[in-house]
N, C-alpha and C. Protein backbone atom coordinates (compact mmCIF):
# COMPACT_ATOMS: atom_id res chain seq x y z
N MET A 1 37.24 -46.34 -14.06
CA MET A 1 37.42 -44.94 -13.77
C MET A 1 36.50 -44.10 -14.65
N LYS A 2 36.45 -44.43 -15.96
CA LYS A 2 35.59 -43.69 -16.87
C LYS A 2 34.13 -43.81 -16.44
N LYS A 3 33.79 -45.02 -15.96
CA LYS A 3 32.41 -45.25 -15.52
C LYS A 3 32.09 -44.37 -14.31
N ALA A 4 33.03 -44.24 -13.40
CA ALA A 4 32.84 -43.43 -12.19
C ALA A 4 32.67 -41.96 -12.55
N ILE A 5 33.48 -41.46 -13.49
CA ILE A 5 33.39 -40.06 -13.92
C ILE A 5 32.05 -39.82 -14.63
N ALA A 6 31.65 -40.75 -15.47
CA ALA A 6 30.37 -40.62 -16.17
C ALA A 6 29.22 -40.62 -15.18
N SER A 7 29.29 -41.49 -14.17
CA SER A 7 28.23 -41.55 -13.14
C SER A 7 28.18 -40.26 -12.34
N LEU A 8 29.35 -39.72 -11.99
CA LEU A 8 29.41 -38.46 -11.24
C LEU A 8 28.83 -37.32 -12.07
N ALA A 9 29.21 -37.26 -13.36
CA ALA A 9 28.69 -36.21 -14.24
C ALA A 9 27.17 -36.32 -14.38
N LEU A 10 26.68 -37.52 -14.50
CA LEU A 10 25.23 -37.74 -14.61
C LEU A 10 24.53 -37.31 -13.33
N ALA A 11 25.11 -37.65 -12.20
CA ALA A 11 24.53 -37.27 -10.91
C ALA A 11 24.50 -35.75 -10.75
N MET A 12 25.57 -35.08 -11.14
CA MET A 12 25.62 -33.62 -11.04
C MET A 12 24.57 -32.99 -11.95
N PHE A 13 24.44 -33.47 -13.18
CA PHE A 13 23.45 -32.93 -14.11
C PHE A 13 22.04 -33.13 -13.56
N ALA A 14 21.79 -34.32 -13.01
CA ALA A 14 20.47 -34.61 -12.43
C ALA A 14 20.18 -33.66 -11.28
N GLY A 15 21.21 -33.38 -10.47
CA GLY A 15 21.04 -32.46 -9.34
C GLY A 15 20.70 -31.05 -9.81
N ILE A 16 21.39 -30.60 -10.86
CA ILE A 16 21.13 -29.27 -11.41
C ILE A 16 19.72 -29.20 -11.99
N ALA A 17 19.33 -30.25 -12.69
CA ALA A 17 18.01 -30.26 -13.34
C ALA A 17 16.88 -30.24 -12.32
N THR A 18 17.11 -30.81 -11.13
CA THR A 18 16.03 -30.86 -10.14
C THR A 18 16.09 -29.71 -9.14
N THR A 19 17.11 -28.85 -9.21
CA THR A 19 17.19 -27.70 -8.33
C THR A 19 16.09 -26.72 -8.72
N PRO A 20 15.26 -26.28 -7.73
CA PRO A 20 14.19 -25.37 -8.08
C PRO A 20 14.74 -24.01 -8.53
N ALA A 21 14.06 -23.42 -9.49
CA ALA A 21 14.46 -22.10 -9.97
C ALA A 21 14.15 -21.07 -8.88
N LEU A 22 14.94 -20.03 -8.81
CA LEU A 22 14.68 -18.98 -7.85
C LEU A 22 13.39 -18.26 -8.22
N ALA A 23 12.61 -17.92 -7.21
CA ALA A 23 11.36 -17.23 -7.46
C ALA A 23 11.64 -15.82 -7.97
N ALA A 24 10.81 -15.37 -8.86
CA ALA A 24 10.94 -14.02 -9.40
C ALA A 24 9.92 -13.12 -8.70
N PRO A 25 10.14 -11.84 -8.72
CA PRO A 25 9.14 -10.94 -8.15
C PRO A 25 7.80 -11.11 -8.84
N GLU A 26 6.74 -11.07 -8.06
CA GLU A 26 5.39 -11.19 -8.60
C GLU A 26 4.70 -9.83 -8.49
N VAL A 27 3.93 -9.47 -9.51
CA VAL A 27 3.24 -8.19 -9.52
C VAL A 27 1.75 -8.44 -9.31
N PHE A 28 1.17 -7.66 -8.41
CA PHE A 28 -0.24 -7.77 -8.06
C PHE A 28 -0.92 -6.44 -8.35
N ASN A 29 -2.09 -6.49 -9.00
CA ASN A 29 -2.89 -5.30 -9.25
C ASN A 29 -3.80 -5.03 -8.07
N ILE A 30 -3.91 -3.77 -7.69
CA ILE A 30 -4.81 -3.39 -6.61
C ILE A 30 -6.24 -3.77 -6.97
N ASP A 31 -6.92 -4.41 -6.02
CA ASP A 31 -8.35 -4.72 -6.15
C ASP A 31 -9.10 -3.51 -5.59
N ASN A 32 -9.61 -2.66 -6.50
CA ASN A 32 -10.23 -1.42 -6.02
C ASN A 32 -11.59 -1.63 -5.37
N THR A 33 -12.08 -2.85 -5.35
CA THR A 33 -13.33 -3.11 -4.63
C THR A 33 -13.05 -3.52 -3.18
N HIS A 34 -11.78 -3.70 -2.84
CA HIS A 34 -11.42 -4.08 -1.47
C HIS A 34 -10.20 -3.30 -0.96
N THR A 35 -9.90 -2.17 -1.59
CA THR A 35 -8.78 -1.34 -1.16
C THR A 35 -9.31 0.05 -0.87
N PHE A 36 -9.22 0.43 0.41
CA PHE A 36 -9.76 1.72 0.84
C PHE A 36 -8.83 2.42 1.82
N PRO A 37 -8.14 3.48 1.37
CA PRO A 37 -7.41 4.31 2.32
C PRO A 37 -8.42 5.09 3.16
N ARG A 38 -8.28 4.98 4.47
CA ARG A 38 -9.18 5.68 5.39
C ARG A 38 -8.36 6.69 6.18
N PHE A 39 -9.03 7.75 6.63
CA PHE A 39 -8.34 8.73 7.45
C PHE A 39 -9.25 9.18 8.58
N SER A 40 -8.63 9.44 9.73
CA SER A 40 -9.40 9.89 10.90
C SER A 40 -8.66 11.04 11.58
N TYR A 41 -9.44 11.88 12.24
CA TYR A 41 -8.89 13.07 12.90
C TYR A 41 -9.85 13.51 13.99
N SER A 42 -9.35 14.31 14.91
CA SER A 42 -10.18 14.85 15.99
C SER A 42 -11.00 16.03 15.47
N HIS A 43 -12.28 16.03 15.77
CA HIS A 43 -13.17 17.13 15.39
C HIS A 43 -13.49 17.94 16.63
N PHE A 44 -12.70 18.99 16.86
CA PHE A 44 -12.85 19.87 18.02
C PHE A 44 -12.77 19.13 19.36
N GLY A 45 -12.21 17.93 19.34
CA GLY A 45 -12.13 17.14 20.56
C GLY A 45 -13.42 16.42 20.89
N TYR A 46 -14.48 16.68 20.13
CA TYR A 46 -15.76 16.01 20.38
C TYR A 46 -15.73 14.55 19.98
N SER A 47 -15.17 14.29 18.81
CA SER A 47 -15.22 12.94 18.27
C SER A 47 -14.05 12.72 17.33
N LYS A 48 -13.83 11.46 17.02
CA LYS A 48 -12.84 11.08 16.01
C LYS A 48 -13.61 10.78 14.74
N GLN A 49 -13.44 11.60 13.72
CA GLN A 49 -14.14 11.43 12.46
C GLN A 49 -13.37 10.46 11.57
N LEU A 50 -14.10 9.60 10.87
CA LEU A 50 -13.50 8.59 10.00
C LEU A 50 -14.10 8.71 8.61
N SER A 51 -13.24 8.86 7.60
CA SER A 51 -13.67 8.97 6.21
C SER A 51 -12.77 8.08 5.37
N ARG A 52 -13.10 7.94 4.08
CA ARG A 52 -12.27 7.10 3.22
C ARG A 52 -12.30 7.62 1.79
N PHE A 53 -11.41 7.03 0.98
CA PHE A 53 -11.40 7.28 -0.46
C PHE A 53 -11.88 6.01 -1.14
N ASN A 54 -12.79 6.16 -2.10
CA ASN A 54 -13.43 5.00 -2.73
C ASN A 54 -12.75 4.48 -3.98
N LYS A 55 -11.77 5.23 -4.53
CA LYS A 55 -11.12 4.79 -5.77
C LYS A 55 -9.60 4.83 -5.60
N THR A 56 -9.02 3.65 -5.70
CA THR A 56 -7.57 3.50 -5.56
C THR A 56 -7.08 2.56 -6.64
N SER A 57 -5.91 2.85 -7.20
CA SER A 57 -5.32 1.97 -8.21
C SER A 57 -3.83 1.84 -7.93
N GLY A 58 -3.21 0.86 -8.60
CA GLY A 58 -1.78 0.71 -8.46
C GLY A 58 -1.35 -0.74 -8.43
N THR A 59 -0.10 -0.94 -8.03
CA THR A 59 0.47 -2.29 -8.00
C THR A 59 1.28 -2.50 -6.73
N VAL A 60 1.40 -3.78 -6.39
CA VAL A 60 2.29 -4.23 -5.33
C VAL A 60 3.18 -5.30 -5.94
N THR A 61 4.48 -5.16 -5.76
CA THR A 61 5.42 -6.17 -6.23
C THR A 61 5.98 -6.87 -5.00
N TRP A 62 6.02 -8.20 -5.06
CA TRP A 62 6.44 -8.98 -3.90
C TRP A 62 7.32 -10.13 -4.34
N ASP A 63 8.47 -10.26 -3.71
CA ASP A 63 9.36 -11.39 -3.95
C ASP A 63 9.57 -12.07 -2.60
N LYS A 64 8.81 -13.13 -2.38
CA LYS A 64 8.84 -13.83 -1.10
C LYS A 64 10.23 -14.38 -0.80
N ALA A 65 10.87 -14.98 -1.79
CA ALA A 65 12.18 -15.60 -1.58
C ALA A 65 13.24 -14.57 -1.22
N ALA A 66 13.23 -13.45 -1.91
CA ALA A 66 14.24 -12.41 -1.67
C ALA A 66 13.86 -11.47 -0.53
N ARG A 67 12.62 -11.59 -0.06
CA ARG A 67 12.09 -10.71 0.99
C ARG A 67 12.23 -9.24 0.59
N THR A 68 11.70 -8.96 -0.59
CA THR A 68 11.68 -7.59 -1.09
C THR A 68 10.28 -7.29 -1.62
N GLY A 69 10.00 -6.02 -1.77
CA GLY A 69 8.70 -5.63 -2.30
C GLY A 69 8.71 -4.17 -2.71
N ALA A 70 7.63 -3.78 -3.34
CA ALA A 70 7.45 -2.39 -3.75
C ALA A 70 5.96 -2.10 -3.83
N VAL A 71 5.61 -0.87 -3.51
CA VAL A 71 4.21 -0.44 -3.54
C VAL A 71 4.13 0.85 -4.34
N ASP A 72 3.17 0.93 -5.25
CA ASP A 72 2.96 2.12 -6.07
C ASP A 72 1.45 2.33 -6.17
N ILE A 73 0.95 3.30 -5.42
CA ILE A 73 -0.50 3.51 -5.27
C ILE A 73 -0.89 4.91 -5.70
N THR A 74 -2.03 5.02 -6.38
CA THR A 74 -2.63 6.31 -6.72
C THR A 74 -4.04 6.34 -6.15
N ILE A 75 -4.34 7.43 -5.44
CA ILE A 75 -5.66 7.61 -4.82
C ILE A 75 -6.39 8.72 -5.55
N ASP A 76 -7.61 8.45 -5.97
CA ASP A 76 -8.46 9.47 -6.58
C ASP A 76 -9.04 10.32 -5.45
N MET A 77 -8.51 11.53 -5.27
CA MET A 77 -8.93 12.37 -4.15
C MET A 77 -10.37 12.87 -4.29
N LYS A 78 -10.90 12.84 -5.52
CA LYS A 78 -12.29 13.24 -5.71
C LYS A 78 -13.26 12.17 -5.23
N SER A 79 -12.72 11.00 -4.90
CA SER A 79 -13.59 9.92 -4.42
C SER A 79 -13.73 9.93 -2.90
N VAL A 80 -13.33 11.04 -2.27
CA VAL A 80 -13.42 11.13 -0.81
C VAL A 80 -14.87 10.89 -0.37
N ASP A 81 -15.02 10.13 0.68
CA ASP A 81 -16.35 9.76 1.18
C ASP A 81 -16.39 9.99 2.69
N THR A 82 -17.02 11.09 3.07
CA THR A 82 -17.15 11.42 4.49
C THR A 82 -18.45 10.90 5.08
N GLY A 83 -19.32 10.38 4.21
CA GLY A 83 -20.64 9.94 4.65
C GLY A 83 -21.69 11.03 4.50
N PHE A 84 -21.27 12.22 4.05
CA PHE A 84 -22.18 13.35 3.90
C PHE A 84 -21.80 14.12 2.64
N PRO A 85 -22.59 14.03 1.56
CA PRO A 85 -22.20 14.61 0.27
C PRO A 85 -21.80 16.08 0.32
N LEU A 86 -22.48 16.90 1.13
CA LEU A 86 -22.13 18.31 1.22
C LEU A 86 -20.71 18.48 1.75
N PHE A 87 -20.34 17.68 2.75
CA PHE A 87 -19.00 17.77 3.31
C PHE A 87 -17.96 17.19 2.35
N ASP A 88 -18.35 16.18 1.54
CA ASP A 88 -17.44 15.66 0.52
C ASP A 88 -16.97 16.81 -0.37
N GLY A 89 -17.91 17.66 -0.79
CA GLY A 89 -17.56 18.81 -1.62
C GLY A 89 -16.72 19.82 -0.87
N HIS A 90 -17.05 20.06 0.40
CA HIS A 90 -16.31 21.03 1.22
C HIS A 90 -14.85 20.61 1.39
N ILE A 91 -14.63 19.33 1.67
CA ILE A 91 -13.27 18.84 1.92
C ILE A 91 -12.43 18.80 0.64
N GLN A 92 -13.09 18.85 -0.51
CA GLN A 92 -12.36 18.89 -1.78
C GLN A 92 -11.93 20.32 -2.15
N GLY A 93 -12.34 21.30 -1.36
CA GLY A 93 -12.02 22.70 -1.63
C GLY A 93 -10.54 23.03 -1.42
N THR A 94 -10.16 24.26 -1.76
CA THR A 94 -8.76 24.69 -1.73
C THR A 94 -8.15 24.65 -0.33
N ASP A 95 -8.96 24.82 0.72
CA ASP A 95 -8.42 24.82 2.08
C ASP A 95 -8.00 23.43 2.55
N PHE A 96 -8.51 22.41 1.87
CA PHE A 96 -8.21 21.04 2.30
C PHE A 96 -7.55 20.27 1.16
N LEU A 97 -8.29 19.45 0.40
CA LEU A 97 -7.68 18.59 -0.61
C LEU A 97 -7.40 19.28 -1.95
N ASP A 98 -8.13 20.34 -2.25
CA ASP A 98 -7.96 21.09 -3.51
C ASP A 98 -7.92 20.16 -4.72
N THR A 99 -8.99 19.36 -4.84
CA THR A 99 -9.02 18.34 -5.89
C THR A 99 -9.12 18.92 -7.31
N ALA A 100 -9.53 20.18 -7.44
CA ALA A 100 -9.56 20.79 -8.78
C ALA A 100 -8.14 20.90 -9.34
N ASN A 101 -7.18 21.17 -8.47
CA ASN A 101 -5.79 21.31 -8.92
C ASN A 101 -4.95 20.06 -8.67
N TYR A 102 -5.36 19.25 -7.70
CA TYR A 102 -4.61 18.05 -7.32
C TYR A 102 -5.57 16.86 -7.19
N PRO A 103 -6.01 16.31 -8.31
CA PRO A 103 -7.04 15.27 -8.27
C PRO A 103 -6.57 13.93 -7.72
N THR A 104 -5.25 13.73 -7.62
CA THR A 104 -4.76 12.45 -7.11
C THR A 104 -3.70 12.67 -6.03
N ALA A 105 -3.54 11.66 -5.20
CA ALA A 105 -2.43 11.57 -4.25
C ALA A 105 -1.72 10.26 -4.58
N THR A 106 -0.43 10.19 -4.26
CA THR A 106 0.32 8.97 -4.56
C THR A 106 1.17 8.54 -3.37
N PHE A 107 1.43 7.25 -3.32
CA PHE A 107 2.42 6.70 -2.39
C PHE A 107 3.31 5.77 -3.19
N LYS A 108 4.62 6.02 -3.12
CA LYS A 108 5.60 5.17 -3.80
C LYS A 108 6.62 4.73 -2.76
N SER A 109 6.76 3.42 -2.63
CA SER A 109 7.68 2.90 -1.61
C SER A 109 9.12 3.03 -2.05
N SER A 110 10.00 3.11 -1.05
CA SER A 110 11.44 3.09 -1.30
C SER A 110 12.07 1.87 -0.63
N LYS A 111 11.36 1.29 0.35
CA LYS A 111 11.90 0.13 1.07
C LYS A 111 10.76 -0.59 1.78
N VAL A 112 10.79 -1.91 1.71
CA VAL A 112 9.85 -2.74 2.48
C VAL A 112 10.69 -3.56 3.46
N VAL A 113 10.35 -3.46 4.73
CA VAL A 113 11.09 -4.16 5.79
C VAL A 113 10.32 -5.43 6.15
N PHE A 114 11.03 -6.56 6.17
CA PHE A 114 10.44 -7.86 6.46
C PHE A 114 10.92 -8.39 7.80
N GLU A 115 10.06 -9.13 8.46
CA GLU A 115 10.43 -10.01 9.57
C GLU A 115 9.98 -11.40 9.15
N GLY A 116 10.95 -12.26 8.90
CA GLY A 116 10.60 -13.57 8.35
C GLY A 116 10.06 -13.38 6.95
N ASP A 117 8.91 -14.01 6.66
CA ASP A 117 8.31 -13.93 5.33
C ASP A 117 7.32 -12.79 5.17
N LYS A 118 7.09 -12.02 6.23
CA LYS A 118 6.04 -11.00 6.17
C LYS A 118 6.60 -9.59 6.29
N PRO A 119 6.03 -8.66 5.50
CA PRO A 119 6.44 -7.26 5.64
C PRO A 119 5.88 -6.68 6.94
N VAL A 120 6.69 -5.86 7.60
CA VAL A 120 6.25 -5.21 8.85
C VAL A 120 6.19 -3.70 8.72
N SER A 121 6.88 -3.15 7.72
CA SER A 121 6.77 -1.71 7.47
C SER A 121 7.14 -1.41 6.02
N VAL A 122 6.61 -0.29 5.56
CA VAL A 122 6.88 0.16 4.19
C VAL A 122 7.27 1.63 4.27
N GLU A 123 8.48 1.93 3.84
CA GLU A 123 8.95 3.31 3.80
C GLU A 123 8.74 3.84 2.39
N GLY A 124 8.38 5.12 2.29
CA GLY A 124 8.17 5.68 0.97
C GLY A 124 7.83 7.14 1.01
N THR A 125 7.34 7.64 -0.12
CA THR A 125 7.00 9.05 -0.28
C THR A 125 5.51 9.19 -0.55
N LEU A 126 4.85 9.99 0.28
CA LEU A 126 3.44 10.31 0.12
C LEU A 126 3.35 11.70 -0.48
N THR A 127 2.60 11.84 -1.57
CA THR A 127 2.42 13.13 -2.23
C THR A 127 0.94 13.49 -2.19
N ILE A 128 0.66 14.63 -1.55
CA ILE A 128 -0.70 15.18 -1.47
C ILE A 128 -0.60 16.66 -1.80
N LYS A 129 -1.46 17.15 -2.67
CA LYS A 129 -1.48 18.56 -3.08
C LYS A 129 -0.12 19.00 -3.61
N GLY A 130 0.58 18.11 -4.28
CA GLY A 130 1.88 18.45 -4.86
C GLY A 130 3.02 18.51 -3.86
N VAL A 131 2.75 18.20 -2.60
CA VAL A 131 3.77 18.20 -1.56
C VAL A 131 4.15 16.75 -1.26
N SER A 132 5.44 16.45 -1.33
CA SER A 132 5.93 15.08 -1.09
C SER A 132 6.67 15.02 0.24
N LYS A 133 6.30 14.02 1.06
CA LYS A 133 6.92 13.84 2.37
C LYS A 133 7.22 12.36 2.58
N PRO A 134 8.32 12.06 3.27
CA PRO A 134 8.59 10.66 3.60
C PRO A 134 7.65 10.18 4.70
N VAL A 135 7.14 8.97 4.56
CA VAL A 135 6.31 8.36 5.59
C VAL A 135 6.70 6.89 5.73
N THR A 136 6.42 6.35 6.90
CA THR A 136 6.60 4.92 7.12
C THR A 136 5.27 4.33 7.53
N LEU A 137 4.80 3.37 6.76
CA LEU A 137 3.56 2.67 7.08
C LEU A 137 3.91 1.45 7.92
N THR A 138 3.21 1.28 9.03
CA THR A 138 3.37 0.08 9.85
C THR A 138 2.36 -0.95 9.37
N VAL A 139 2.83 -2.10 8.96
CA VAL A 139 1.95 -3.16 8.47
C VAL A 139 1.42 -3.93 9.68
N THR A 140 0.11 -3.89 9.89
CA THR A 140 -0.49 -4.54 11.05
C THR A 140 -1.01 -5.94 10.75
N SER A 141 -1.20 -6.25 9.47
CA SER A 141 -1.57 -7.61 9.08
C SER A 141 -1.17 -7.83 7.64
N PHE A 142 -0.88 -9.08 7.29
CA PHE A 142 -0.49 -9.42 5.92
C PHE A 142 -0.90 -10.87 5.65
N GLN A 143 -1.43 -11.10 4.45
CA GLN A 143 -1.85 -12.44 4.06
C GLN A 143 -1.52 -12.65 2.59
N ALA A 144 -0.94 -13.80 2.28
CA ALA A 144 -0.67 -14.17 0.89
C ALA A 144 -1.18 -15.59 0.69
N MET A 145 -2.13 -15.77 -0.24
CA MET A 145 -2.68 -17.10 -0.50
C MET A 145 -3.53 -17.04 -1.76
N PRO A 146 -3.88 -18.18 -2.31
CA PRO A 146 -4.79 -18.17 -3.46
C PRO A 146 -6.15 -17.61 -3.04
N HIS A 147 -6.70 -16.74 -3.88
CA HIS A 147 -8.03 -16.18 -3.60
C HIS A 147 -9.07 -17.29 -3.75
N PRO A 148 -9.89 -17.54 -2.73
CA PRO A 148 -10.82 -18.67 -2.80
C PRO A 148 -11.90 -18.54 -3.87
N MET A 149 -12.22 -17.32 -4.28
CA MET A 149 -13.26 -17.14 -5.30
C MET A 149 -12.68 -16.90 -6.69
N LEU A 150 -11.59 -16.14 -6.76
CA LEU A 150 -11.01 -15.80 -8.05
C LEU A 150 -10.05 -16.86 -8.59
N LYS A 151 -9.62 -17.77 -7.69
CA LYS A 151 -8.68 -18.84 -8.07
C LYS A 151 -7.39 -18.28 -8.65
N LYS A 152 -6.94 -17.16 -8.10
CA LYS A 152 -5.66 -16.54 -8.46
C LYS A 152 -4.92 -16.22 -7.17
N ASP A 153 -3.58 -16.12 -7.26
CA ASP A 153 -2.82 -15.71 -6.09
C ASP A 153 -3.20 -14.28 -5.72
N ALA A 154 -3.28 -14.02 -4.42
CA ALA A 154 -3.67 -12.70 -3.94
C ALA A 154 -2.90 -12.38 -2.67
N ILE A 155 -2.79 -11.09 -2.39
CA ILE A 155 -2.22 -10.64 -1.14
C ILE A 155 -3.15 -9.59 -0.53
N GLY A 156 -3.05 -9.44 0.77
CA GLY A 156 -3.84 -8.43 1.47
C GLY A 156 -3.07 -7.93 2.66
N ALA A 157 -3.31 -6.68 3.02
CA ALA A 157 -2.61 -6.08 4.15
C ALA A 157 -3.40 -4.92 4.72
N ASN A 158 -3.11 -4.63 5.96
CA ASN A 158 -3.55 -3.39 6.58
C ASN A 158 -2.30 -2.67 7.06
N ALA A 159 -2.28 -1.36 6.88
CA ALA A 159 -1.12 -0.57 7.29
C ALA A 159 -1.59 0.78 7.81
N THR A 160 -0.80 1.37 8.68
CA THR A 160 -1.20 2.64 9.29
C THR A 160 0.00 3.57 9.48
N THR A 161 -0.29 4.86 9.50
CA THR A 161 0.71 5.88 9.82
C THR A 161 -0.03 7.13 10.25
N VAL A 162 0.71 8.09 10.79
CA VAL A 162 0.13 9.37 11.20
C VAL A 162 0.87 10.47 10.47
N ILE A 163 0.12 11.40 9.87
CA ILE A 163 0.70 12.56 9.19
C ILE A 163 0.08 13.82 9.77
N LYS A 164 0.66 14.96 9.41
CA LYS A 164 0.06 16.26 9.77
C LYS A 164 -0.50 16.89 8.51
N ARG A 165 -1.76 17.31 8.58
CA ARG A 165 -2.36 17.93 7.40
C ARG A 165 -1.63 19.21 7.02
N SER A 166 -1.15 19.94 8.02
CA SER A 166 -0.47 21.20 7.73
C SER A 166 0.80 20.98 6.92
N ASP A 167 1.43 19.80 7.02
CA ASP A 167 2.61 19.49 6.21
C ASP A 167 2.28 19.43 4.72
N PHE A 168 0.99 19.24 4.41
CA PHE A 168 0.55 19.11 3.01
C PHE A 168 -0.34 20.28 2.59
N ASN A 169 -0.16 21.42 3.25
CA ASN A 169 -0.93 22.64 2.94
C ASN A 169 -2.44 22.41 3.02
N ALA A 170 -2.86 21.63 4.03
CA ALA A 170 -4.29 21.36 4.21
C ALA A 170 -4.68 21.54 5.68
N GLY A 171 -4.04 22.51 6.36
CA GLY A 171 -4.18 22.63 7.81
C GLY A 171 -5.22 23.60 8.33
N LYS A 172 -6.16 24.01 7.50
CA LYS A 172 -7.16 24.97 7.96
C LYS A 172 -7.90 24.45 9.20
N TYR A 173 -8.14 25.34 10.14
CA TYR A 173 -8.85 25.12 11.41
C TYR A 173 -8.03 24.33 12.42
N ALA A 174 -6.78 24.02 12.10
CA ALA A 174 -5.94 23.36 13.10
C ALA A 174 -5.57 24.42 14.16
N PRO A 175 -5.50 24.10 15.42
CA PRO A 175 -5.56 22.75 15.98
C PRO A 175 -6.96 22.33 16.41
N ASN A 176 -7.97 23.22 16.24
CA ASN A 176 -9.32 22.84 16.67
C ASN A 176 -9.80 21.58 15.96
N VAL A 177 -9.66 21.58 14.65
CA VAL A 177 -9.83 20.34 13.90
C VAL A 177 -8.43 19.75 13.83
N GLY A 178 -8.26 18.54 14.34
CA GLY A 178 -6.94 17.96 14.54
C GLY A 178 -6.01 18.07 13.34
N ASP A 179 -4.78 18.50 13.61
CA ASP A 179 -3.76 18.55 12.56
C ASP A 179 -3.24 17.14 12.28
N GLU A 180 -3.18 16.32 13.32
CA GLU A 180 -2.72 14.94 13.13
C GLU A 180 -3.83 14.10 12.52
N VAL A 181 -3.49 13.42 11.45
CA VAL A 181 -4.44 12.56 10.75
C VAL A 181 -3.87 11.15 10.72
N THR A 182 -4.67 10.20 11.19
CA THR A 182 -4.27 8.80 11.13
C THR A 182 -4.74 8.21 9.81
N LEU A 183 -3.80 7.67 9.04
CA LEU A 183 -4.13 6.97 7.81
C LEU A 183 -4.14 5.48 8.10
N ASP A 184 -5.18 4.82 7.67
CA ASP A 184 -5.32 3.37 7.86
C ASP A 184 -5.73 2.79 6.52
N ILE A 185 -4.84 2.01 5.93
CA ILE A 185 -5.06 1.52 4.57
C ILE A 185 -5.39 0.03 4.60
N ALA A 186 -6.54 -0.32 4.04
CA ALA A 186 -6.92 -1.71 3.83
C ALA A 186 -6.67 -1.99 2.36
N LEU A 187 -5.83 -3.00 2.08
CA LEU A 187 -5.40 -3.25 0.71
C LEU A 187 -5.54 -4.72 0.35
N GLU A 188 -6.07 -4.97 -0.84
CA GLU A 188 -6.06 -6.31 -1.43
C GLU A 188 -5.60 -6.17 -2.87
N ALA A 189 -4.84 -7.16 -3.33
CA ALA A 189 -4.31 -7.11 -4.70
C ALA A 189 -4.25 -8.52 -5.27
N ILE A 190 -4.50 -8.61 -6.56
CA ILE A 190 -4.59 -9.89 -7.27
C ILE A 190 -3.42 -10.00 -8.24
N LYS A 191 -2.81 -11.19 -8.30
CA LYS A 191 -1.66 -11.39 -9.18
C LYS A 191 -2.06 -11.18 -10.64
N MET A 192 -1.23 -10.45 -11.36
CA MET A 192 -1.48 -10.15 -12.77
C MET A 192 -1.34 -11.40 -13.62
């Protein structure tokens, strides 16, 4: 009987020792050489204009096992790139981005929604020109794997949403210049 109890205790201990530890949330730093928030809008109905911001920083936290995550992004609004330097300066003026008074915009998530192992949407607060509004980003692609060149774990995603510039006190010339702005974010981040 003592032998049976000792064997059972040994078996239980061995089982506990070989049980994998629960995964902890992993933090990834934004790769600012591959992360570009882009925005597009109608220009008098003639064309859809596409521009981007060249400097973005922040972190993404991801817990694959728990299917949770968090996003905390800061965009340097002075890095706006319309493809035309004169217009870059114009769009930074008080009627639009007002970068002298509001040099950054932020997005902070409040909830990441998963289907299976992949995020499908990110709810959070977007702040532009000191105005904060709730937005939901639809995740159109997501990848998590070791980076083939950096030899570190990495994640990447594309996400999109539509906002109104007038909601952020940047609605000059609307509706001729479209009030609705499509945001399309290409993001890559490397594990810290």
